[in-house]
N, C-alpha and C. Protein backbone atom coordinates (compact mmCIF):
# COMPACT_ATOMS: atom_id res chain seq x y z
N MET A 1 182.31 -88.98 138.31
CA MET A 1 181.79 -89.94 137.35
C MET A 1 180.48 -90.61 137.84
N LYS A 2 179.54 -90.76 136.99
CA LYS A 2 178.26 -91.36 137.28
C LYS A 2 178.38 -92.88 137.33
N THR A 3 177.74 -93.48 138.30
CA THR A 3 177.52 -94.94 138.34
C THR A 3 176.25 -95.22 137.57
N THR A 4 176.25 -96.17 136.59
CA THR A 4 175.05 -96.51 135.95
C THR A 4 174.54 -97.88 136.54
N ILE A 5 173.26 -97.76 136.75
CA ILE A 5 172.49 -98.95 137.28
C ILE A 5 171.39 -99.38 136.47
N ALA A 6 171.32 -100.67 136.18
CA ALA A 6 170.10 -101.22 135.44
C ALA A 6 169.21 -101.84 136.50
N LEU A 7 168.02 -101.45 136.52
CA LEU A 7 167.01 -101.89 137.51
C LEU A 7 165.92 -102.88 136.76
N ILE A 8 165.86 -104.10 137.26
CA ILE A 8 164.93 -105.04 136.71
C ILE A 8 163.91 -105.49 137.82
N PRO A 9 162.66 -105.96 137.38
CA PRO A 9 161.71 -106.37 138.39
C PRO A 9 161.87 -107.77 138.76
N CYS A 10 161.44 -108.00 139.92
CA CYS A 10 161.24 -109.46 140.40
C CYS A 10 160.19 -110.11 139.57
N CYS A 11 159.93 -111.40 139.87
CA CYS A 11 158.76 -112.03 139.11
C CYS A 11 158.11 -113.05 140.07
N GLY A 12 156.97 -113.57 139.69
CA GLY A 12 156.22 -114.47 140.48
C GLY A 12 156.86 -115.82 140.69
N PRO A 13 157.22 -116.54 139.60
CA PRO A 13 157.74 -117.89 139.80
C PRO A 13 159.25 -117.86 140.44
N LYS A 14 159.29 -118.63 141.51
CA LYS A 14 160.48 -118.60 142.31
C LYS A 14 160.91 -119.99 142.61
N LEU A 15 162.25 -120.27 143.01
CA LEU A 15 162.57 -121.47 143.58
C LEU A 15 161.84 -121.66 144.90
N ASP A 16 161.96 -122.87 145.37
CA ASP A 16 161.26 -123.23 146.67
C ASP A 16 162.16 -123.12 147.95
N HIS A 17 163.38 -122.50 147.60
CA HIS A 17 164.30 -122.40 148.71
C HIS A 17 165.10 -121.01 148.56
N ALA A 18 165.75 -120.63 149.59
CA ALA A 18 166.43 -119.45 149.54
C ALA A 18 167.62 -119.61 148.51
N ALA A 19 167.95 -118.50 147.81
CA ALA A 19 169.04 -118.48 146.85
C ALA A 19 169.46 -117.06 146.59
N ALA A 20 170.58 -116.93 145.82
CA ALA A 20 170.93 -115.64 145.34
C ALA A 20 169.88 -115.02 144.58
N ALA A 21 169.66 -113.85 144.66
CA ALA A 21 168.50 -113.09 143.94
C ALA A 21 168.57 -113.36 142.46
N ARG A 22 169.70 -113.48 141.92
CA ARG A 22 169.68 -113.71 140.42
C ARG A 22 169.28 -115.17 140.13
N ASP A 23 169.23 -116.10 141.04
CA ASP A 23 168.85 -117.40 140.83
C ASP A 23 167.49 -117.71 141.35
N LEU A 24 166.94 -116.89 142.27
CA LEU A 24 165.65 -117.17 142.92
C LEU A 24 164.58 -117.07 141.97
N TYR A 25 164.50 -116.05 141.04
CA TYR A 25 163.45 -115.85 140.09
C TYR A 25 163.66 -116.72 138.90
N THR A 26 162.56 -117.46 138.58
CA THR A 26 162.82 -118.52 137.55
C THR A 26 162.10 -118.29 136.26
N SER A 27 161.33 -117.26 136.07
CA SER A 27 160.56 -117.14 134.80
C SER A 27 161.55 -116.79 133.61
N SER A 28 161.12 -117.17 132.42
CA SER A 28 162.02 -116.89 131.30
C SER A 28 162.06 -115.36 131.00
N THR A 29 160.90 -114.61 131.37
CA THR A 29 161.05 -113.19 131.21
C THR A 29 162.07 -112.53 132.14
N PHE A 30 162.03 -113.04 133.46
CA PHE A 30 163.10 -112.48 134.32
C PHE A 30 164.42 -112.82 133.71
N ARG A 31 164.66 -113.98 133.23
CA ARG A 31 166.04 -114.35 132.65
C ARG A 31 166.36 -113.47 131.53
N THR A 32 165.33 -113.13 130.62
CA THR A 32 165.64 -112.22 129.50
C THR A 32 165.96 -110.90 130.01
N GLN A 33 165.28 -110.37 130.95
CA GLN A 33 165.56 -109.02 131.45
C GLN A 33 166.96 -109.04 132.14
N LEU A 34 167.22 -110.04 132.89
CA LEU A 34 168.54 -110.12 133.54
C LEU A 34 169.68 -110.15 132.51
N ASP A 35 169.47 -111.02 131.52
CA ASP A 35 170.53 -111.01 130.50
C ASP A 35 170.74 -109.71 129.73
N ALA A 36 169.65 -108.96 129.51
CA ALA A 36 169.72 -107.71 128.86
C ALA A 36 170.45 -106.64 129.87
N ALA A 37 170.09 -106.62 130.99
CA ALA A 37 170.61 -105.73 132.04
C ALA A 37 172.09 -106.06 132.08
N LEU A 38 172.56 -107.24 132.13
CA LEU A 38 174.03 -107.59 132.33
C LEU A 38 174.73 -107.28 130.98
N ALA A 39 174.04 -107.29 129.88
CA ALA A 39 174.70 -106.98 128.60
C ALA A 39 174.72 -105.44 128.27
N SER A 40 173.97 -104.74 129.10
CA SER A 40 173.90 -103.16 128.77
C SER A 40 174.93 -102.47 129.03
N GLY A 41 175.97 -102.91 129.71
CA GLY A 41 177.22 -102.11 130.07
C GLY A 41 177.02 -101.19 131.34
N CYS A 42 175.88 -101.33 131.98
CA CYS A 42 175.73 -100.65 133.19
C CYS A 42 176.80 -101.19 134.28
N ASP A 43 177.18 -100.27 135.17
CA ASP A 43 178.14 -100.66 136.17
C ASP A 43 177.56 -101.66 137.13
N ARG A 44 176.24 -101.70 137.35
CA ARG A 44 175.60 -102.53 138.44
C ARG A 44 174.16 -102.93 137.95
N VAL A 45 173.72 -104.11 138.30
CA VAL A 45 172.43 -104.62 138.02
C VAL A 45 171.74 -104.77 139.34
N MET A 46 170.50 -104.29 139.57
CA MET A 46 169.86 -104.64 140.82
C MET A 46 168.43 -104.97 140.46
N ILE A 47 167.80 -105.73 141.30
CA ILE A 47 166.42 -106.26 141.20
C ILE A 47 165.60 -105.39 142.06
N LEU A 48 164.43 -104.96 141.58
CA LEU A 48 163.42 -104.29 142.44
C LEU A 48 162.33 -105.33 142.89
N SER A 49 162.49 -105.75 144.09
CA SER A 49 161.58 -106.80 144.61
C SER A 49 160.36 -106.12 145.18
N ALA A 50 159.20 -106.68 144.88
CA ALA A 50 157.97 -106.26 145.50
C ALA A 50 157.96 -106.28 147.05
N LYS A 51 158.65 -107.22 147.60
CA LYS A 51 158.68 -107.41 149.00
C LYS A 51 159.93 -106.66 149.66
N HIS A 52 161.08 -106.89 149.00
CA HIS A 52 162.24 -106.43 149.70
C HIS A 52 162.86 -105.14 149.21
N GLY A 53 162.33 -104.62 148.05
CA GLY A 53 162.96 -103.37 147.51
C GLY A 53 164.22 -103.74 146.65
N LEU A 54 165.18 -102.94 146.85
CA LEU A 54 166.49 -103.13 145.99
C LEU A 54 167.28 -104.22 146.53
N LEU A 55 167.56 -105.18 145.57
CA LEU A 55 168.40 -106.37 145.80
C LEU A 55 169.56 -106.40 144.89
N ASP A 56 170.73 -106.63 145.46
CA ASP A 56 171.93 -106.89 144.69
C ASP A 56 171.72 -108.34 144.17
N LEU A 57 172.30 -108.74 143.03
CA LEU A 57 172.06 -109.94 142.38
C LEU A 57 172.57 -111.11 143.21
N ASP A 58 173.67 -110.94 144.07
CA ASP A 58 174.25 -112.07 144.84
C ASP A 58 173.64 -112.16 146.29
N GLU A 59 172.65 -111.20 146.52
CA GLU A 59 172.00 -111.19 147.96
C GLU A 59 171.07 -112.37 148.09
N THR A 60 171.21 -113.12 149.18
CA THR A 60 170.42 -114.32 149.38
C THR A 60 168.99 -113.98 149.82
N VAL A 61 167.98 -114.47 149.16
CA VAL A 61 166.52 -114.15 149.41
C VAL A 61 165.85 -115.46 149.54
N ALA A 62 164.92 -115.53 150.52
CA ALA A 62 163.98 -116.64 150.66
C ALA A 62 162.77 -116.45 149.73
N PRO A 63 162.14 -117.40 149.22
CA PRO A 63 161.02 -117.23 148.39
C PRO A 63 159.91 -116.61 149.15
N TYR A 64 159.09 -115.76 148.45
CA TYR A 64 158.03 -114.96 149.06
C TYR A 64 156.84 -114.86 148.04
N ASP A 65 155.75 -114.43 148.42
CA ASP A 65 154.60 -114.26 147.52
C ASP A 65 153.98 -113.02 147.71
N THR A 66 154.64 -112.00 147.27
CA THR A 66 154.19 -110.58 147.43
C THR A 66 154.18 -109.99 146.10
N GLN A 67 153.11 -109.29 145.68
CA GLN A 67 153.03 -108.61 144.46
C GLN A 67 153.20 -107.08 144.85
N ILE A 68 153.53 -106.34 143.74
CA ILE A 68 153.78 -104.90 143.92
C ILE A 68 152.46 -104.10 144.48
N THR A 69 151.32 -104.71 144.27
CA THR A 69 150.10 -104.00 144.66
C THR A 69 149.61 -104.52 146.04
N ASP A 70 150.27 -105.49 146.68
CA ASP A 70 149.87 -105.97 147.92
C ASP A 70 150.17 -105.06 149.07
N SER A 71 149.34 -105.28 150.18
CA SER A 71 149.47 -104.36 151.32
C SER A 71 150.88 -104.47 152.04
N ASP A 72 151.54 -105.67 151.93
CA ASP A 72 152.85 -105.80 152.50
C ASP A 72 154.00 -105.54 151.49
N ALA A 73 153.72 -104.92 150.33
CA ALA A 73 154.71 -104.69 149.36
C ALA A 73 155.60 -103.50 149.81
N ILE A 74 156.76 -103.36 149.32
CA ILE A 74 157.72 -102.30 149.63
C ILE A 74 157.02 -100.85 149.33
N THR A 75 157.19 -99.97 150.20
CA THR A 75 156.53 -98.72 150.09
C THR A 75 157.58 -97.68 149.39
N VAL A 76 157.04 -96.52 148.95
CA VAL A 76 157.98 -95.50 148.54
C VAL A 76 158.91 -94.95 149.54
N ASP A 77 158.45 -94.84 150.76
CA ASP A 77 159.32 -94.39 151.90
C ASP A 77 160.41 -95.40 152.10
N GLN A 78 160.00 -96.72 152.15
CA GLN A 78 160.99 -97.77 152.42
C GLN A 78 162.14 -97.82 151.27
N LEU A 79 161.58 -97.81 150.02
CA LEU A 79 162.45 -97.86 148.91
C LEU A 79 163.43 -96.67 148.90
N ALA A 80 162.91 -95.48 149.22
CA ALA A 80 163.72 -94.31 149.24
C ALA A 80 164.86 -94.36 150.39
N ALA A 81 164.48 -94.97 151.58
CA ALA A 81 165.52 -95.18 152.59
C ALA A 81 166.51 -96.24 152.15
N GLN A 82 166.14 -97.19 151.43
CA GLN A 82 167.18 -98.12 150.87
C GLN A 82 168.16 -97.46 149.90
N ALA A 83 167.46 -96.66 148.99
CA ALA A 83 168.22 -95.96 148.01
C ALA A 83 169.29 -95.04 148.67
N ALA A 84 168.90 -94.39 149.63
CA ALA A 84 169.78 -93.55 150.32
C ALA A 84 171.08 -94.19 150.88
N VAL A 85 171.05 -95.50 151.22
CA VAL A 85 172.11 -96.33 151.73
C VAL A 85 172.79 -97.05 150.55
N LEU A 86 172.06 -97.58 149.70
CA LEU A 86 172.56 -98.46 148.61
C LEU A 86 173.10 -97.86 147.44
N LEU A 87 172.59 -96.74 147.04
CA LEU A 87 172.99 -96.06 145.81
C LEU A 87 174.05 -94.99 145.97
N PRO A 88 175.08 -95.04 145.17
CA PRO A 88 176.03 -93.94 145.35
C PRO A 88 175.31 -92.53 144.94
N GLY A 89 176.06 -91.44 145.21
CA GLY A 89 175.49 -90.14 145.14
C GLY A 89 175.25 -89.73 143.68
N ASP A 90 176.17 -90.02 142.78
CA ASP A 90 176.02 -89.57 141.41
C ASP A 90 175.68 -90.84 140.62
N VAL A 91 174.37 -91.05 140.26
CA VAL A 91 173.87 -92.30 139.63
C VAL A 91 172.96 -91.96 138.54
N GLU A 92 173.05 -92.83 137.55
CA GLU A 92 171.98 -92.82 136.49
C GLU A 92 171.32 -94.23 136.56
N VAL A 93 170.00 -94.25 136.57
CA VAL A 93 169.23 -95.51 136.76
C VAL A 93 168.46 -95.72 135.33
N TYR A 94 168.59 -96.90 134.92
CA TYR A 94 167.86 -97.36 133.69
C TYR A 94 166.98 -98.52 134.09
N GLY A 95 165.66 -98.28 133.85
CA GLY A 95 164.64 -99.23 134.38
C GLY A 95 164.16 -100.09 133.25
N LEU A 96 164.27 -101.37 133.40
CA LEU A 96 163.52 -102.35 132.53
C LEU A 96 162.48 -102.85 133.29
N LEU A 97 161.49 -101.94 133.48
CA LEU A 97 160.40 -102.17 134.52
C LEU A 97 159.00 -102.02 133.94
N PRO A 98 158.12 -102.92 134.43
CA PRO A 98 156.75 -102.58 134.07
C PRO A 98 156.25 -101.39 134.80
N SER A 99 155.10 -100.84 134.39
CA SER A 99 154.70 -99.49 134.78
C SER A 99 154.62 -99.27 136.31
N LYS A 100 153.99 -100.21 137.02
CA LYS A 100 153.84 -100.20 138.59
C LYS A 100 155.24 -100.08 139.23
N TYR A 101 156.13 -100.87 138.79
CA TYR A 101 157.33 -100.84 139.37
C TYR A 101 158.13 -99.53 138.99
N LEU A 102 157.99 -99.13 137.73
CA LEU A 102 158.61 -97.84 137.23
C LEU A 102 158.09 -96.68 138.12
N ALA A 103 156.74 -96.65 138.34
CA ALA A 103 156.19 -95.56 139.16
C ALA A 103 156.74 -95.62 140.58
N LEU A 104 156.89 -96.69 141.16
CA LEU A 104 157.44 -96.91 142.48
C LEU A 104 158.91 -96.32 142.56
N ALA A 105 159.71 -96.75 141.55
CA ALA A 105 161.06 -96.36 141.56
C ALA A 105 161.13 -94.85 141.27
N HIS A 106 160.32 -94.29 140.37
CA HIS A 106 160.32 -92.93 140.14
C HIS A 106 160.03 -92.01 141.44
N ALA A 107 159.04 -92.51 142.09
CA ALA A 107 158.59 -91.81 143.33
C ALA A 107 159.65 -91.81 144.43
N ALA A 108 160.43 -92.91 144.52
CA ALA A 108 161.35 -93.06 145.56
C ALA A 108 162.66 -92.35 145.20
N LEU A 109 163.17 -92.42 143.96
CA LEU A 109 164.39 -91.92 143.60
C LEU A 109 164.36 -90.40 143.20
N ARG A 110 163.14 -89.85 142.98
CA ARG A 110 163.16 -88.51 142.58
C ARG A 110 163.41 -87.57 143.84
N ARG A 111 163.27 -88.29 145.09
CA ARG A 111 163.67 -87.56 146.24
C ARG A 111 165.12 -87.17 146.29
N PHE A 112 165.89 -87.86 145.47
CA PHE A 112 167.36 -87.60 145.36
C PHE A 112 167.75 -87.04 143.98
N ASN A 113 166.65 -86.49 143.31
CA ASN A 113 166.87 -85.92 142.01
C ASN A 113 167.47 -86.84 140.98
N VAL A 114 166.98 -88.10 141.19
CA VAL A 114 167.30 -89.18 140.22
C VAL A 114 166.11 -89.55 139.43
N TYR A 115 166.22 -89.54 138.05
CA TYR A 115 165.18 -89.90 137.25
C TYR A 115 165.41 -91.26 136.69
N VAL A 116 164.47 -92.13 136.79
CA VAL A 116 164.63 -93.53 136.34
C VAL A 116 164.32 -93.49 134.81
N GLN A 117 165.30 -93.71 133.98
CA GLN A 117 165.07 -93.76 132.50
C GLN A 117 164.39 -95.06 132.08
N ASP A 118 163.23 -94.89 131.53
CA ASP A 118 162.45 -96.04 131.10
C ASP A 118 162.94 -96.53 129.74
N VAL A 119 163.75 -97.69 129.88
CA VAL A 119 164.38 -98.31 128.71
C VAL A 119 163.26 -98.59 127.67
N TYR A 120 162.19 -99.17 128.03
CA TYR A 120 161.23 -99.53 127.15
C TYR A 120 160.73 -98.39 126.26
N GLU A 121 160.47 -97.23 126.91
CA GLU A 121 159.95 -96.05 126.22
C GLU A 121 161.09 -95.50 125.33
N VAL A 122 162.26 -95.46 125.77
CA VAL A 122 163.34 -94.93 124.91
C VAL A 122 163.57 -95.82 123.70
N CYS A 123 163.43 -97.08 123.83
CA CYS A 123 163.59 -98.03 122.67
C CYS A 123 162.42 -98.01 121.69
N GLU A 124 161.26 -97.72 122.18
CA GLU A 124 160.14 -97.65 121.34
C GLU A 124 159.95 -96.35 120.59
N HIS A 125 160.44 -95.22 121.15
CA HIS A 125 160.46 -93.90 120.44
C HIS A 125 159.03 -93.42 120.23
N MET A 126 158.14 -94.25 120.42
CA MET A 126 156.67 -93.71 120.02
C MET A 126 155.85 -94.00 121.32
N GLY A 127 156.36 -94.04 122.51
CA GLY A 127 155.64 -94.29 123.66
C GLY A 127 156.10 -95.61 124.29
N ARG A 128 155.53 -95.91 125.46
CA ARG A 128 155.88 -96.93 126.29
C ARG A 128 155.50 -98.35 125.46
N ALA A 129 156.44 -99.23 125.54
CA ALA A 129 156.23 -100.54 124.94
C ALA A 129 154.98 -101.22 125.70
N GLY A 130 154.02 -101.62 124.94
CA GLY A 130 152.80 -102.04 125.49
C GLY A 130 152.75 -103.22 126.44
N GLY A 131 153.28 -104.28 125.98
CA GLY A 131 153.14 -105.55 126.73
C GLY A 131 154.42 -106.27 126.94
N ILE A 132 154.27 -107.46 127.61
CA ILE A 132 155.54 -108.25 128.03
C ILE A 132 156.15 -108.78 126.83
N GLY A 133 155.42 -109.10 125.68
CA GLY A 133 156.01 -109.64 124.54
C GLY A 133 157.05 -108.50 123.96
N GLU A 134 156.48 -107.29 123.91
CA GLU A 134 157.41 -106.22 123.38
C GLU A 134 158.62 -105.95 124.33
N HIS A 135 158.33 -106.09 125.63
CA HIS A 135 159.49 -105.87 126.57
C HIS A 135 160.53 -107.02 126.35
N ARG A 136 160.10 -108.25 126.13
CA ARG A 136 160.99 -109.34 125.83
C ARG A 136 161.79 -109.14 124.61
N HIS A 137 161.17 -108.69 123.53
CA HIS A 137 161.85 -108.28 122.33
C HIS A 137 162.85 -107.24 122.40
N ILE A 138 162.54 -106.13 123.23
CA ILE A 138 163.47 -105.09 123.49
C ILE A 138 164.66 -105.63 124.26
N CYS A 139 164.39 -106.53 125.30
CA CYS A 139 165.51 -107.08 126.02
C CYS A 139 166.47 -107.95 125.16
N LYS A 140 165.84 -108.73 124.26
CA LYS A 140 166.69 -109.57 123.47
C LYS A 140 167.48 -108.74 122.48
N THR A 141 167.01 -107.62 121.95
CA THR A 141 167.66 -106.64 121.16
C THR A 141 168.83 -106.15 121.90
N ILE A 142 168.55 -105.69 123.11
CA ILE A 142 169.67 -105.15 123.92
C ILE A 142 170.87 -106.19 124.16
N LYS A 143 170.42 -107.33 124.44
CA LYS A 143 171.48 -108.41 124.62
C LYS A 143 172.29 -108.76 123.34
N GLU A 144 171.60 -108.76 122.29
CA GLU A 144 172.33 -109.04 121.01
C GLU A 144 173.22 -107.89 120.50
N ASN A 145 172.94 -106.68 120.93
CA ASN A 145 173.71 -105.56 120.49
C ASN A 145 174.67 -105.18 121.57
């Protein structure tokens, strides 16, 4: 039986102290994505952190200021090494991710023949949802249904 994982991105605004990953990120967009992921029916929700890679929701994390494009951001090789340890063998991954995070997750997980399903693209049916406003709308729709 496959384990389903919803993968959401970190965000810039954070608390000023260490906290559980689910609480560290403070933007309304993150909250909307987290609510959608939790309502999705997936077995597990994880955060893709630009600095730390895969985070469980209850993992304690100190605030940081790393963006996905920074030189100290998680690499494909580092993320793949994490995935080898953290993800079960038979897994389906659903990404509520912006394009740069999605590309990183694809590159790391395809090493294990795992395809990250782009929830935004699936929901739009006509290509990838263009902006954050559309992403938030899709997340709200997921949560309501």
